[in-house]
Amino acid sequence: MAVPITVLDCDLLLYGRGHRTLDRFKLDDVTDEYLMSMYGFPRQFIYYLVELLGASLSRPTQRSRAISPETQILAALGFYTSGSFQTRMGDAIGISQASMSRCVAHVTEALVERASQFIHFPADEAAVQSLKDEFYGLAGMPGVIGVVDCIHVAIKAPNAEDLSYVNRKGLHSLNCLIVCDIRGALMTVETSWPGSLQDCAVLQQSSLSSQFETGMHKDSWLLGDSSFFLRTWLMTPLHIAETPAEYRYNRAHSATHSVIEKTLRTLCSRFRCLDGSKGALQYSPEKSSHIILACCVLHNISLEHGMDVWSSPGTGPIEQPPEGEYEQMESLDLEADRIRQELMLTHFS
């Protein structure tokens, strides 16, 4: 005998039937301080997201009542900035925990669809030159258009057999490659690399490397730390500085590279779902990579709206590779080594 199965609508049980849009929370009913404390962003920023993502979030539904774009965005921001699906947060905006999870998925995909709109290198020569001038003004390092680093974000184990996501600390993670400018704006974000890959391997296989290798950014270079190989387009510090010029080069390199270290600390501080304080992201690698990218998109949008990207307190230093790995990263590229030597001779002697 067949057993009938009833699919329960959690929000219907909680709030009953009524309007087509579930819209129990009103932004105008709460203070800016409340929005910042619960969702991490001010009222006008949230209104902008509603305008930006509204069409994508207003999908046809067979459920008794669709959740408004505004409520979906608040649910997602609450998760991104807190790192958990707290019951009190769902209660505050009038939806169940299960609905909060669906809201996060919908908002994440809507932000990922717009990633290229907000995360990119400048296209015109004037903007590129402006980048170089700004970096040069910071510590005297010429020709720099960005600083690059990697950061691990913990995820749940995909399955017992798959060890590709196990990093050197024995934890499952994604190793994310990020490039930023002097303001902390992200210009490249690649979030899908498995945690077992070292930073240098991630960069070598990345689309970022392909761009520079094919000459897309001529007469420019990135700065990377000692976890990367020296390349003609990527300047790394000297492992052992011996001359005054080498010391000055390393000091300028360190001061310039600190921009991305500060940016990554701020990113994890603002979006606590990334810092592991509430545990690993409980999603597949693909969905986790999308959540990370969505947070990066929000980071850049907040910069465009004049928010102080470095106002949040940092979460501690970004971990560097063990000292024993540094020697492996010394130059194997003679042309790259020549360019670095010429740079030190011309600008740091």
C-alpha atoms as a PDB file:
ATOM      1  CA  MET A   1       0.000   0.000   0.000  1.00  0.00           C
ATOM      2  CA  ALA A   2       1.422   3.344  -0.989  1.00  0.00           C
ATOM      3  CA  VAL A   3       2.068   5.738   1.841  1.00  0.00           C
ATOM      4  CA  PRO A   4       1.155   9.360   1.055  1.00  0.00           C
ATOM      5  CA  ILE A   5       3.959  11.843   1.673  1.00  0.00           C
ATOM      6  CA  THR A   6       3.239  15.432   2.574  1.00  0.00           C
ATOM      7  CA  VAL A   7       5.861  18.061   1.767  1.00  0.00           C
ATOM      8  CA  LEU A   8       5.819  20.667   4.502  1.00  0.00           C
ATOM      9  CA  ASP A   9       6.444  24.330   3.786  1.00  0.00           C
ATOM     10  CA  CYS A  10       8.230  25.584   6.914  1.00  0.00           C
ATOM     11  CA  ASP A  11       7.346  29.209   6.266  1.00  0.00           C
ATOM     12  CA  LEU A  12       3.723  28.300   5.610  1.00  0.00           C
ATOM     13  CA  LEU A  13       3.563  26.503   8.959  1.00  0.00           C
ATOM     14  CA  LEU A  14       5.178  29.459  10.692  1.00  0.00           C
ATOM     15  CA  TYR A  15       3.275  32.305   9.086  1.00  0.00           C
ATOM     16  CA  GLY A  16       0.285  30.901   7.224  1.00  0.00           C
ATOM     17  CA  ARG A  17      -1.086  31.783   3.805  1.00  0.00           C
ATOM     18  CA  GLY A  18      -1.562  35.321   2.647  1.00  0.00           C
ATOM     19  CA  HIS A  19       0.355  37.657   0.351  1.00  0.00           C
ATOM     20  CA  ARG A  20       2.362  36.213  -2.530  1.00  0.00           C
ATOM     21  CA  THR A  21       5.547  37.734  -1.116  1.00  0.00           C
ATOM     22  CA  LEU A  22       6.869  36.844   2.304  1.00  0.00           C
ATOM     23  CA  ASP A  23       7.969  40.270   3.500  1.00  0.00           C
ATOM     24  CA  ARG A  24       7.651  40.427   7.278  1.00  0.00           C
ATOM     25  CA  PHE A  25      10.864  42.408   7.784  1.00  0.00           C
ATOM     26  CA  LYS A  26      11.026  46.051   6.761  1.00  0.00           C
ATOM     27  CA  LEU A  27      14.330  47.893   6.483  1.00  0.00           C
ATOM     28  CA  ASP A  28      12.657  51.155   7.440  1.00  0.00           C
ATOM     29  CA  ASP A  29      11.520  49.656  10.742  1.00  0.00           C
ATOM     30  CA  VAL A  30      15.033  49.222  12.149  1.00  0.00           C
ATOM     31  CA  THR A  31      18.019  51.450  12.801  1.00  0.00           C
ATOM     32  CA  ASP A  32      21.262  51.591  10.835  1.00  0.00           C
ATOM     33  CA  GLU A  33      23.069  50.345  13.934  1.00  0.00           C
ATOM     34  CA  TYR A  34      20.874  47.236  13.990  1.00  0.00           C
ATOM     35  CA  LEU A  35      21.510  46.526  10.297  1.00  0.00           C
ATOM     36  CA  MET A  36      25.261  46.884  10.758  1.00  0.00           C
ATOM     37  CA  SER A  37      25.322  44.639  13.825  1.00  0.00           C
ATOM     38  CA  MET A  38      23.122  41.904  12.311  1.00  0.00           C
ATOM     39  CA  TYR A  39      23.995  42.037   8.606  1.00  0.00           C
ATOM     40  CA  GLY A  40      27.285  43.925   8.419  1.00  0.00           C
ATOM     41  CA  PHE A  41      26.176  46.600   5.940  1.00  0.00           C
ATOM     42  CA  PRO A  42      24.255  49.904   6.040  1.00  0.00           C
ATOM     43  CA  ARG A  43      20.768  50.529   4.712  1.00  0.00           C
ATOM     44  CA  GLN A  44      21.699  52.231   1.420  1.00  0.00           C
ATOM     45  CA  PHE A  45      24.115  49.435   0.541  1.00  0.00           C
ATOM     46  CA  ILE A  46      21.365  46.860   1.082  1.00  0.00           C
ATOM     47  CA  TYR A  47      18.969  48.888  -1.062  1.00  0.00           C
ATOM     48  CA  TYR A  48      21.601  48.918  -3.818  1.00  0.00           C
ATOM     49  CA  LEU A  49      21.879  45.118  -3.647  1.00  0.00           C
ATOM     50  CA  VAL A  50      18.102  44.824  -3.916  1.00  0.00           C
ATOM     51  CA  GLU A  51      18.205  46.931  -7.078  1.00  0.00           C
ATOM     52  CA  LEU A  52      21.190  45.037  -8.470  1.00  0.00           C
ATOM     53  CA  LEU A  53      19.985  41.505  -7.744  1.00  0.00           C
ATOM     54  CA  GLY A  54      16.228  41.947  -7.599  1.00  0.00           C
ATOM     55  CA  ALA A  55      15.484  40.586 -11.072  1.00  0.00           C
ATOM     56  CA  SER A  56      17.555  37.449 -10.468  1.00  0.00           C
ATOM     57  CA  LEU A  57      15.946  36.813  -7.079  1.00  0.00           C
ATOM     58  CA  SER A  58      12.356  37.327  -8.216  1.00  0.00           C
ATOM     59  CA  ARG A  59      12.075  33.871  -9.726  1.00  0.00           C
ATOM     60  CA  PRO A  60       8.734  32.178 -10.406  1.00  0.00           C
ATOM     61  CA  THR A  61       7.866  29.803  -7.566  1.00  0.00           C
ATOM     62  CA  GLN A  62       5.406  27.000  -6.894  1.00  0.00           C
ATOM     63  CA  ARG A  63       5.645  27.623  -3.183  1.00  0.00           C
ATOM     64  CA  SER A  64       2.703  29.243  -1.462  1.00  0.00           C
ATOM     65  CA  ARG A  65       4.589  32.480  -0.967  1.00  0.00           C
ATOM     66  CA  ALA A  66       7.802  33.716  -2.534  1.00  0.00           C
ATOM     67  CA  ILE A  67      10.414  35.345  -0.324  1.00  0.00           C
ATOM     68  CA  SER A  68      11.121  38.938  -1.315  1.00  0.00           C
ATOM     69  CA  PRO A  69      14.541  39.859  -2.766  1.00  0.00           C
ATOM     70  CA  GLU A  70      15.090  42.160   0.210  1.00  0.00           C
ATOM     71  CA  THR A  71      14.584  39.315   2.694  1.00  0.00           C
ATOM     72  CA  GLN A  72      16.736  36.925   0.660  1.00  0.00           C
ATOM     73  CA  ILE A  73      19.593  39.440   0.633  1.00  0.00           C
ATOM     74  CA  LEU A  74      19.356  40.021   4.379  1.00  0.00           C
ATOM     75  CA  ALA A  75      19.440  36.274   4.996  1.00  0.00           C
ATOM     76  CA  ALA A  76      22.534  35.876   2.818  1.00  0.00           C
ATOM     77  CA  LEU A  77      24.344  38.867   4.343  1.00  0.00           C
ATOM     78  CA  GLY A  78      23.585  37.497   7.789  1.00  0.00           C
ATOM     79  CA  PHE A  79      25.226  34.197   6.894  1.00  0.00           C
ATOM     80  CA  TYR A  80      28.219  35.708   5.086  1.00  0.00           C
ATOM     81  CA  THR A  81      29.045  38.046   7.973  1.00  0.00           C
ATOM     82  CA  SER A  82      28.305  35.683  10.871  1.00  0.00           C
ATOM     83  CA  GLY A  83      29.223  32.286   9.419  1.00  0.00           C
ATOM     84  CA  SER A  84      26.163  30.507  10.786  1.00  0.00           C
ATOM     85  CA  PHE A  85      22.431  30.018  10.239  1.00  0.00           C
ATOM     86  CA  GLN A  86      21.318  31.361  13.590  1.00  0.00           C
ATOM     87  CA  THR A  87      17.696  30.779  14.523  1.00  0.00           C
ATOM     88  CA  ARG A  88      17.370  34.299  15.899  1.00  0.00           C
ATOM     89  CA  MET A  89      18.447  35.729  12.553  1.00  0.00           C
ATOM     90  CA  GLY A  90      15.785  33.762  10.694  1.00  0.00           C
ATOM     91  CA  ASP A  91      13.214  34.811  13.300  1.00  0.00           C
ATOM     92  CA  ALA A  92      14.223  38.457  12.850  1.00  0.00           C
ATOM     93  CA  ILE A  93      13.373  38.454   9.141  1.00  0.00           C
ATOM     94  CA  GLY A  94      10.470  36.030   9.402  1.00  0.00           C
ATOM     95  CA  ILE A  95      11.759  32.878   7.695  1.00  0.00           C
ATOM     96  CA  SER A  96      12.817  29.395   8.741  1.00  0.00           C
ATOM     97  CA  GLN A  97      16.375  28.117   8.882  1.00  0.00           C
ATOM     98  CA  ALA A  98      15.723  25.949   5.809  1.00  0.00           C
ATOM     99  CA  SER A  99      14.538  28.999   3.888  1.00  0.00           C
ATOM    100  CA  MET A 100      17.617  30.927   5.004  1.00  0.00           C
ATOM    101  CA  SER A 101      19.771  28.233   3.417  1.00  0.00           C
ATOM    102  CA  ARG A 102      17.872  28.543   0.138  1.00  0.00           C
ATOM    103  CA  CYS A 103      18.206  32.332   0.264  1.00  0.00           C
ATOM    104  CA  VAL A 104      21.977  32.055   0.645  1.00  0.00           C
ATOM    105  CA  ALA A 105      22.125  29.763  -2.394  1.00  0.00           C
ATOM    106  CA  HIS A 106      20.046  32.124  -4.546  1.00  0.00           C
ATOM    107  CA  VAL A 107      21.902  35.304  -3.555  1.00  0.00           C
ATOM    108  CA  THR A 108      25.270  33.587  -3.947  1.00  0.00           C
ATOM    109  CA  GLU A 109      24.517  32.549  -7.511  1.00  0.00           C
ATOM    110  CA  ALA A 110      23.204  36.022  -8.360  1.00  0.00           C
ATOM    111  CA  LEU A 111      26.437  37.592  -7.107  1.00  0.00           C
ATOM    112  CA  VAL A 112      28.629  35.028  -8.887  1.00  0.00           C
ATOM    113  CA  GLU A 113      26.838  35.804 -12.162  1.00  0.00           C
ATOM    114  CA  ARG A 114      28.013  39.410 -11.759  1.00  0.00           C
ATOM    115  CA  ALA A 115      31.577  38.681 -10.629  1.00  0.00           C
ATOM    116  CA  SER A 116      33.211  39.867 -13.857  1.00  0.00           C
ATOM    117  CA  GLN A 117      31.334  43.176 -13.557  1.00  0.00           C
ATOM    118  CA  PHE A 118      33.043  43.995 -10.263  1.00  0.00           C
ATOM    119  CA  ILE A 119      36.291  41.969 -10.233  1.00  0.00           C
ATOM    120  CA  HIS A 120      38.703  42.768 -13.072  1.00  0.00           C
ATOM    121  CA  PHE A 121      41.946  44.478 -14.016  1.00  0.00           C
ATOM    122  CA  PRO A 122      41.628  48.018 -15.385  1.00  0.00           C
ATOM    123  CA  ALA A 123      41.189  47.987 -19.149  1.00  0.00           C
ATOM    124  CA  ASP A 124      42.589  51.352 -20.275  1.00  0.00           C
ATOM    125  CA  GLU A 125      46.210  52.487 -20.199  1.00  0.00           C
ATOM    126  CA  ALA A 126      45.504  55.529 -18.055  1.00  0.00           C
ATOM    127  CA  ALA A 127      44.024  53.390 -15.289  1.00  0.00           C
ATOM    128  CA  VAL A 128      46.951  50.949 -15.479  1.00  0.00           C
ATOM    129  CA  GLN A 129      49.445  53.796 -15.220  1.00  0.00           C
ATOM    130  CA  SER A 130      47.518  55.177 -12.264  1.00  0.00           C
ATOM    131  CA  LEU A 131      47.909  51.804 -10.530  1.00  0.00           C
ATOM    132  CA  LYS A 132      51.659  51.881 -11.115  1.00  0.00           C
ATOM    133  CA  ASP A 133      51.923  55.433  -9.798  1.00  0.00           C
ATOM    134  CA  GLU A 134      49.968  54.581  -6.645  1.00  0.00           C
ATOM    135  CA  PHE A 135      52.072  51.523  -5.869  1.00  0.00           C
ATOM    136  CA  TYR A 136      55.267  53.449  -6.573  1.00  0.00           C
ATOM    137  CA  GLY A 137      54.145  56.171  -4.189  1.00  0.00           C
ATOM    138  CA  LEU A 138      53.681  53.613  -1.419  1.00  0.00           C
ATOM    139  CA  ALA A 139      57.226  52.234  -1.186  1.00  0.00           C
ATOM    140  CA  GLY A 140      59.107  53.107  -4.390  1.00  0.00           C
ATOM    141  CA  MET A 141      58.480  49.821  -6.214  1.00  0.00           C
ATOM    142  CA  PRO A 142      58.060  50.621  -9.947  1.00  0.00           C
ATOM    143  CA  GLY A 143      55.886  48.878 -12.541  1.00  0.00           C
ATOM    144  CA  VAL A 144      53.560  47.153 -10.067  1.00  0.00           C
ATOM    145  CA  ILE A 145      49.886  46.768 -10.998  1.00  0.00           C
ATOM    146  CA  GLY A 146      48.864  44.357  -8.251  1.00  0.00           C
ATOM    147  CA  VAL A 147      49.878  42.171  -5.329  1.00  0.00           C
ATOM    148  CA  VAL A 148      49.056  38.458  -5.242  1.00  0.00           C
ATOM    149  CA  ASP A 149      48.631  35.899  -2.494  1.00  0.00           C
ATOM    150  CA  CYS A 150      46.672  32.759  -1.633  1.00  0.00           C
ATOM    151  CA  ILE A 151      44.400  32.045   1.292  1.00  0.00           C
ATOM    152  CA  HIS A 152      42.901  28.747   2.467  1.00  0.00           C
ATOM    153  CA  VAL A 153      39.194  28.552   3.338  1.00  0.00           C
ATOM    154  CA  ALA A 154      38.089  25.475   5.275  1.00  0.00           C
ATOM    155  CA  ILE A 155      35.351  23.296   3.787  1.00  0.00           C
ATOM    156  CA  LYS A 156      33.728  20.039   4.848  1.00  0.00           C
ATOM    157  CA  ALA A 157      35.345  16.840   3.541  1.00  0.00           C
ATOM    158  CA  PRO A 158      33.879  16.083   0.079  1.00  0.00           C
ATOM    159  CA  ASN A 159      34.233  12.339   0.736  1.00  0.00           C
ATOM    160  CA  ALA A 160      36.554   9.962   2.537  1.00  0.00           C
ATOM    161  CA  GLU A 161      38.481   8.977  -0.590  1.00  0.00           C
ATOM    162  CA  ASP A 162      39.170  12.425  -2.020  1.00  0.00           C
ATOM    163  CA  LEU A 163      42.434  13.703  -0.522  1.00  0.00           C
ATOM    164  CA  SER A 164      42.964  16.480  -3.074  1.00  0.00           C
ATOM    165  CA  TYR A 165      41.346  19.001  -0.724  1.00  0.00           C
ATOM    166  CA  VAL A 166      43.494  18.066   2.302  1.00  0.00           C
ATOM    167  CA  ASN A 167      46.023  20.836   2.927  1.00  0.00           C
ATOM    168  CA  ARG A 168      49.403  20.527   4.642  1.00  0.00           C
ATOM    169  CA  LYS A 169      47.736  20.994   8.061  1.00  0.00           C
ATOM    170  CA  GLY A 170      45.540  17.950   7.446  1.00  0.00           C
ATOM    171  CA  LEU A 171      42.361  20.018   6.988  1.00  0.00           C
ATOM    172  CA  HIS A 172      40.049  20.159   3.971  1.00  0.00           C
ATOM    173  CA  SER A 173      40.166  23.513   2.227  1.00  0.00           C
ATOM    174  CA  LEU A 174      40.051  25.504  -0.966  1.00  0.00           C
ATOM    175  CA  ASN A 175      43.212  27.422  -1.850  1.00  0.00           C
ATOM    176  CA  CYS A 176      42.074  30.771  -3.248  1.00  0.00           C
ATOM    177  CA  LEU A 177      44.279  32.949  -5.466  1.00  0.00           C
ATOM    178  CA  ILE A 178      43.654  36.682  -5.070  1.00  0.00           C
ATOM    179  CA  VAL A 179      45.152  39.851  -6.562  1.00  0.00           C
ATOM    180  CA  CYS A 180      44.336  43.305  -5.207  1.00  0.00           C
ATOM    181  CA  ASP A 181      45.245  46.917  -5.899  1.00  0.00           C
ATOM    182  CA  ILE A 182      46.574  49.464  -3.428  1.00  0.00           C
ATOM    183  CA  ARG A 183      43.063  50.249  -2.096  1.00  0.00           C
ATOM    184  CA  GLY A 184      42.316  46.593  -1.422  1.00  0.00           C
ATOM    185  CA  ALA A 185      40.028  46.224  -4.450  1.00  0.00           C
ATOM    186  CA  LEU A 186      40.186  42.680  -5.828  1.00  0.00           C
ATOM    187  CA  MET A 187      41.215  42.378  -9.473  1.00  0.00           C
ATOM    188  CA  THR A 188      41.521  38.597  -9.755  1.00  0.00           C
ATOM    189  CA  VAL A 189      39.823  35.924  -7.645  1.00  0.00           C
ATOM    190  CA  GLU A 190      40.110  32.185  -8.306  1.00  0.00           C
ATOM    191  CA  THR A 191      38.381  30.185  -5.590  1.00  0.00           C
ATOM    192  CA  SER A 192      38.102  26.598  -6.830  1.00  0.00           C
ATOM    193  CA  TRP A 193      41.635  25.259  -6.325  1.00  0.00           C
ATOM    194  CA  PRO A 194      41.906  22.244  -3.959  1.00  0.00           C
ATOM    195  CA  GLY A 195      43.741  22.775  -0.700  1.00  0.00           C
ATOM    196  CA  SER A 196      46.433  20.176  -1.419  1.00  0.00           C
ATOM    197  CA  LEU A 197      47.952  22.433  -4.092  1.00  0.00           C
ATOM    198  CA  GLN A 198      50.786  24.705  -2.974  1.00  0.00           C
ATOM    199  CA  ASP A 199      50.491  28.395  -3.800  1.00  0.00           C
ATOM    200  CA  CYS A 200      53.074  28.175  -6.585  1.00  0.00           C
ATOM    201  CA  ALA A 201      51.154  25.310  -8.239  1.00  0.00           C
ATOM    202  CA  VAL A 202      47.883  27.228  -8.018  1.00  0.00           C
ATOM    203  CA  LEU A 203      49.450  30.247  -9.717  1.00  0.00           C
ATOM    204  CA  GLN A 204      51.121  28.132 -12.383  1.00  0.00           C
ATOM    205  CA  GLN A 205      47.805  26.548 -13.381  1.00  0.00           C
ATOM    206  CA  SER A 206      45.713  29.696 -13.038  1.00  0.00           C
ATOM    207  CA  SER A 207      44.085  31.828 -15.695  1.00  0.00           C
ATOM    208  CA  LEU A 208      45.976  34.747 -14.127  1.00  0.00           C
ATOM    209  CA  SER A 209      49.273  33.149 -15.149  1.00  0.00           C
ATOM    210  CA  SER A 210      47.965  32.613 -18.681  1.00  0.00           C
ATOM    211  CA  GLN A 211      47.055  36.294 -18.952  1.00  0.00           C
ATOM    212  CA  PHE A 212      50.541  37.450 -18.063  1.00  0.00           C
ATOM    213  CA  GLU A 213      52.335  34.739 -20.046  1.00  0.00           C
ATOM    214  CA  THR A 214      50.467  35.748 -23.203  1.00  0.00           C
ATOM    215  CA  GLY A 215      51.453  39.399 -22.752  1.00  0.00           C
ATOM    216  CA  MET A 216      48.072  40.772 -21.749  1.00  0.00           C
ATOM    217  CA  HIS A 217      49.738  43.032 -19.161  1.00  0.00           C
ATOM    218  CA  LYS A 218      52.965  44.101 -20.863  1.00  0.00           C
ATOM    219  CA  ASP A 219      55.601  46.183 -19.063  1.00  0.00           C
ATOM    220  CA  SER A 220      53.916  45.459 -15.727  1.00  0.00           C
ATOM    221  CA  TRP A 221      54.308  42.950 -12.947  1.00  0.00           C
ATOM    222  CA  LEU A 222      52.736  41.615  -9.820  1.00  0.00           C
ATOM    223  CA  LEU A 223      54.377  41.245  -6.422  1.00  0.00           C
ATOM    224  CA  GLY A 224      54.212  37.880  -4.670  1.00  0.00           C
ATOM    225  CA  ASP A 225      55.796  36.483  -1.519  1.00  0.00           C
ATOM    226  CA  SER A 226      58.322  33.676  -1.217  1.00  0.00           C
ATOM    227  CA  SER A 227      55.705  30.987  -1.723  1.00  0.00           C
ATOM    228  CA  PHE A 228      55.798  31.774  -5.468  1.00  0.00           C
ATOM    229  CA  PHE A 229      58.473  31.328  -8.116  1.00  0.00           C
ATOM    230  CA  LEU A 230      60.098  34.435  -9.548  1.00  0.00           C
ATOM    231  CA  ARG A 231      58.742  35.130 -13.043  1.00  0.00           C
ATOM    232  CA  THR A 232      59.311  37.857 -15.601  1.00  0.00           C
ATOM    233  CA  TRP A 233      55.927  39.282 -14.563  1.00  0.00           C
ATOM    234  CA  LEU A 234      56.049  38.348 -10.861  1.00  0.00           C
ATOM    235  CA  MET A 235      58.634  39.893  -8.555  1.00  0.00           C
ATOM    236  CA  THR A 236      59.376  37.985  -5.348  1.00  0.00           C
ATOM    237  CA  PRO A 237      61.675  38.920  -2.432  1.00  0.00           C
ATOM    238  CA  LEU A 238      65.243  37.693  -2.244  1.00  0.00           C
ATOM    239  CA  HIS A 239      65.611  34.813   0.171  1.00  0.00           C
ATOM    240  CA  ILE A 240      68.885  36.243   1.499  1.00  0.00           C
ATOM    241  CA  ALA A 241      69.627  39.947   0.964  1.00  0.00           C
ATOM    242  CA  GLU A 242      73.358  40.677   0.966  1.00  0.00           C
ATOM    243  CA  THR A 243      73.900  44.136  -0.569  1.00  0.00           C
ATOM    244  CA  PRO A 244      72.349  47.488   0.426  1.00  0.00           C
ATOM    245  CA  ALA A 245      70.355  47.490  -2.829  1.00  0.00           C
ATOM    246  CA  GLU A 246      68.975  44.037  -2.065  1.00  0.00           C
ATOM    247  CA  TYR A 247      67.980  45.116   1.447  1.00  0.00           C
ATOM    248  CA  ARG A 248      66.206  48.196   0.064  1.00  0.00           C
ATOM    249  CA  TYR A 249      64.461  46.080  -2.572  1.00  0.00           C
ATOM    250  CA  ASN A 250      63.238  43.583   0.045  1.00  0.00           C
ATOM    251  CA  ARG A 251      61.987  46.376   2.316  1.00  0.00           C
ATOM    252  CA  ALA A 252      60.064  48.010  -0.535  1.00  0.00           C
ATOM    253  CA  HIS A 253      58.689  44.634  -1.580  1.00  0.00           C
ATOM    254  CA  SER A 254      57.518  43.828   1.950  1.00  0.00           C
ATOM    255  CA  ALA A 255      55.849  47.219   2.416  1.00  0.00           C
ATOM    256  CA  THR A 256      54.026  46.890  -0.904  1.00  0.00           C
ATOM    257  CA  HIS A 257      53.007  43.262  -0.448  1.00  0.00           C
ATOM    258  CA  SER A 258      51.536  44.074   2.969  1.00  0.00           C
ATOM    259  CA  VAL A 259      48.549  45.584   1.129  1.00  0.00           C
ATOM    260  CA  ILE A 260      47.158  42.168   0.239  1.00  0.00           C
ATOM    261  CA  GLU A 261      47.943  40.723   3.652  1.00  0.00           C
ATOM    262  CA  LYS A 262      45.849  43.492   5.164  1.00  0.00           C
ATOM    263  CA  THR A 263      43.133  42.993   2.548  1.00  0.00           C
ATOM    264  CA  LEU A 264      42.852  39.250   3.199  1.00  0.00           C
ATOM    265  CA  ARG A 265      42.659  39.802   6.963  1.00  0.00           C
ATOM    266  CA  THR A 266      39.875  42.318   6.419  1.00  0.00           C
ATOM    267  CA  LEU A 267      38.018  40.028   4.019  1.00  0.00           C
ATOM    268  CA  CYS A 268      37.954  37.236   6.605  1.00  0.00           C
ATOM    269  CA  SER A 269      37.069  39.661   9.386  1.00  0.00           C
ATOM    270  CA  ARG A 270      34.080  41.106   7.541  1.00  0.00           C
ATOM    271  CA  PHE A 271      32.880  37.775   6.140  1.00  0.00           C
ATOM    272  CA  ARG A 272      33.168  35.404   9.083  1.00  0.00           C
ATOM    273  CA  CYS A 273      31.940  32.457   7.021  1.00  0.00           C
ATOM    274  CA  LEU A 274      35.467  32.447   5.532  1.00  0.00           C
ATOM    275  CA  ASP A 275      37.604  32.568   8.680  1.00  0.00           C
ATOM    276  CA  GLY A 276      36.678  29.181  10.152  1.00  0.00           C
ATOM    277  CA  SER A 277      35.624  30.637  13.515  1.00  0.00           C
ATOM    278  CA  LYS A 278      32.175  29.012  13.157  1.00  0.00           C
ATOM    279  CA  GLY A 279      33.591  25.905  11.505  1.00  0.00           C
ATOM    280  CA  ALA A 280      34.200  24.917   7.903  1.00  0.00           C
ATOM    281  CA  LEU A 281      31.800  25.794   5.092  1.00  0.00           C
ATOM    282  CA  GLN A 282      29.302  22.917   5.078  1.00  0.00           C
ATOM    283  CA  TYR A 283      28.994  22.731   1.322  1.00  0.00           C
ATOM    284  CA  SER A 284      30.514  20.938  -1.633  1.00  0.00           C
ATOM    285  CA  PRO A 285      33.743  22.388  -3.026  1.00  0.00           C
ATOM    286  CA  GLU A 286      31.824  23.952  -5.926  1.00  0.00           C
ATOM    287  CA  LYS A 287      29.219  25.641  -3.721  1.00  0.00           C
ATOM    288  CA  SER A 288      31.883  26.711  -1.232  1.00  0.00           C
ATOM    289  CA  SER A 289      33.932  28.299  -4.004  1.00  0.00           C
ATOM    290  CA  HIS A 290      30.851  30.240  -5.105  1.00  0.00           C
ATOM    291  CA  ILE A 291      30.242  31.523  -1.563  1.00  0.00           C
ATOM    292  CA  ILE A 292      33.852  32.732  -1.357  1.00  0.00           C
ATOM    293  CA  LEU A 293      33.533  34.474  -4.726  1.00  0.00           C
ATOM    294  CA  ALA A 294      30.239  36.067  -3.676  1.00  0.00           C
ATOM    295  CA  CYS A 295      31.921  37.541  -0.596  1.00  0.00           C
ATOM    296  CA  CYS A 296      34.693  38.911  -2.809  1.00  0.00           C
ATOM    297  CA  VAL A 297      32.116  40.566  -5.070  1.00  0.00           C
ATOM    298  CA  LEU A 298      30.482  42.172  -2.025  1.00  0.00           C
ATOM    299  CA  HIS A 299      33.906  43.342  -0.854  1.00  0.00           C
ATOM    300  CA  ASN A 300      34.457  45.231  -4.124  1.00  0.00           C
ATOM    301  CA  ILE A 301      30.926  46.605  -4.231  1.00  0.00           C
ATOM    302  CA  SER A 302      31.404  47.986  -0.722  1.00  0.00           C
ATOM    303  CA  LEU A 303      34.567  49.748  -1.913  1.00  0.00           C
ATOM    304  CA  GLU A 304      32.693  51.283  -4.847  1.00  0.00           C
ATOM    305  CA  HIS A 305      30.161  52.616  -2.357  1.00  0.00           C
ATOM    306  CA  GLY A 306      32.788  54.344  -0.278  1.00  0.00           C
ATOM    307  CA  MET A 307      32.824  51.931   2.635  1.00  0.00           C
ATOM    308  CA  ASP A 308      36.125  51.717   4.484  1.00  0.00           C
ATOM    309  CA  VAL A 309      37.349  48.280   3.492  1.00  0.00           C
ATOM    310  CA  TRP A 310      39.986  48.282   6.242  1.00  0.00           C
ATOM    311  CA  SER A 311      37.774  49.543   9.056  1.00  0.00           C
ATOM    312  CA  SER A 312      37.128  46.058  10.445  1.00  0.00           C
ATOM    313  CA  PRO A 313      39.713  44.714  12.893  1.00  0.00           C
ATOM    314  CA  GLY A 314      42.011  42.071  11.448  1.00  0.00           C
ATOM    315  CA  THR A 315      41.849  38.433  12.496  1.00  0.00           C
ATOM    316  CA  GLY A 316      45.588  37.964  12.919  1.00  0.00           C
ATOM    317  CA  PRO A 317      48.470  37.498  10.509  1.00  0.00           C
ATOM    318  CA  ILE A 318      48.036  35.586   7.296  1.00  0.00           C
ATOM    319  CA  GLU A 319      49.931  32.339   7.684  1.00  0.00           C
ATOM    320  CA  GLN A 320      53.036  31.978   5.545  1.00  0.00           C
ATOM    321  CA  PRO A 321      54.545  28.746   4.209  1.00  0.00           C
ATOM    322  CA  PRO A 322      57.040  27.020   6.480  1.00  0.00           C
ATOM    323  CA  GLU A 323      60.534  28.467   6.291  1.00  0.00           C
ATOM    324  CA  GLY A 324      61.794  25.249   4.743  1.00  0.00           C
ATOM    325  CA  GLU A 325      59.692  25.815   1.633  1.00  0.00           C
ATOM    326  CA  TYR A 326      61.233  29.193   0.796  1.00  0.00           C
ATOM    327  CA  GLU A 327      64.424  27.906  -0.770  1.00  0.00           C
ATOM    328  CA  GLN A 328      62.387  25.920  -3.304  1.00  0.00           C
ATOM    329  CA  MET A 329      60.883  29.159  -4.532  1.00  0.00           C
ATOM    330  CA  GLU A 330      64.151  30.792  -5.597  1.00  0.00           C
ATOM    331  CA  SER A 331      64.397  31.697  -9.252  1.00  0.00           C
ATOM    332  CA  LEU A 332      64.679  28.984 -11.873  1.00  0.00           C
ATOM    333  CA  ASP A 333      64.018  31.572 -14.600  1.00  0.00           C
ATOM    334  CA  LEU A 334      67.216  33.295 -15.758  1.00  0.00           C
ATOM    335  CA  GLU A 335      65.342  36.046 -17.599  1.00  0.00           C
ATOM    336  CA  ALA A 336      63.229  36.759 -14.523  1.00  0.00           C
ATOM    337  CA  ASP A 337      66.352  36.893 -12.380  1.00  0.00           C
ATOM    338  CA  ARG A 338      67.947  39.328 -14.839  1.00  0.00           C
ATOM    339  CA  ILE A 339      64.898  41.594 -14.679  1.00  0.00           C
ATOM    340  CA  ARG A 340      64.959  41.599 -10.870  1.00  0.00           C
ATOM    341  CA  GLN A 341      68.681  42.361 -10.805  1.00  0.00           C
ATOM    342  CA  GLU A 342      68.163  45.220 -13.256  1.00  0.00           C
ATOM    343  CA  LEU A 343      65.294  46.526 -11.137  1.00  0.00           C
ATOM    344  CA  MET A 344      67.485  46.583  -8.036  1.00  0.00           C
ATOM    345  CA  LEU A 345      70.353  48.230  -9.905  1.00  0.00           C
ATOM    346  CA  THR A 346      68.161  50.907 -11.469  1.00  0.00           C
ATOM    347  CA  HIS A 347      65.872  51.792  -8.536  1.00  0.00           C
ATOM    348  CA  PHE A 348      67.469  50.585  -5.310  1.00  0.00           C
ATOM    349  CA  SER A 349      71.231  51.148  -5.707  1.00  0.00           C
END
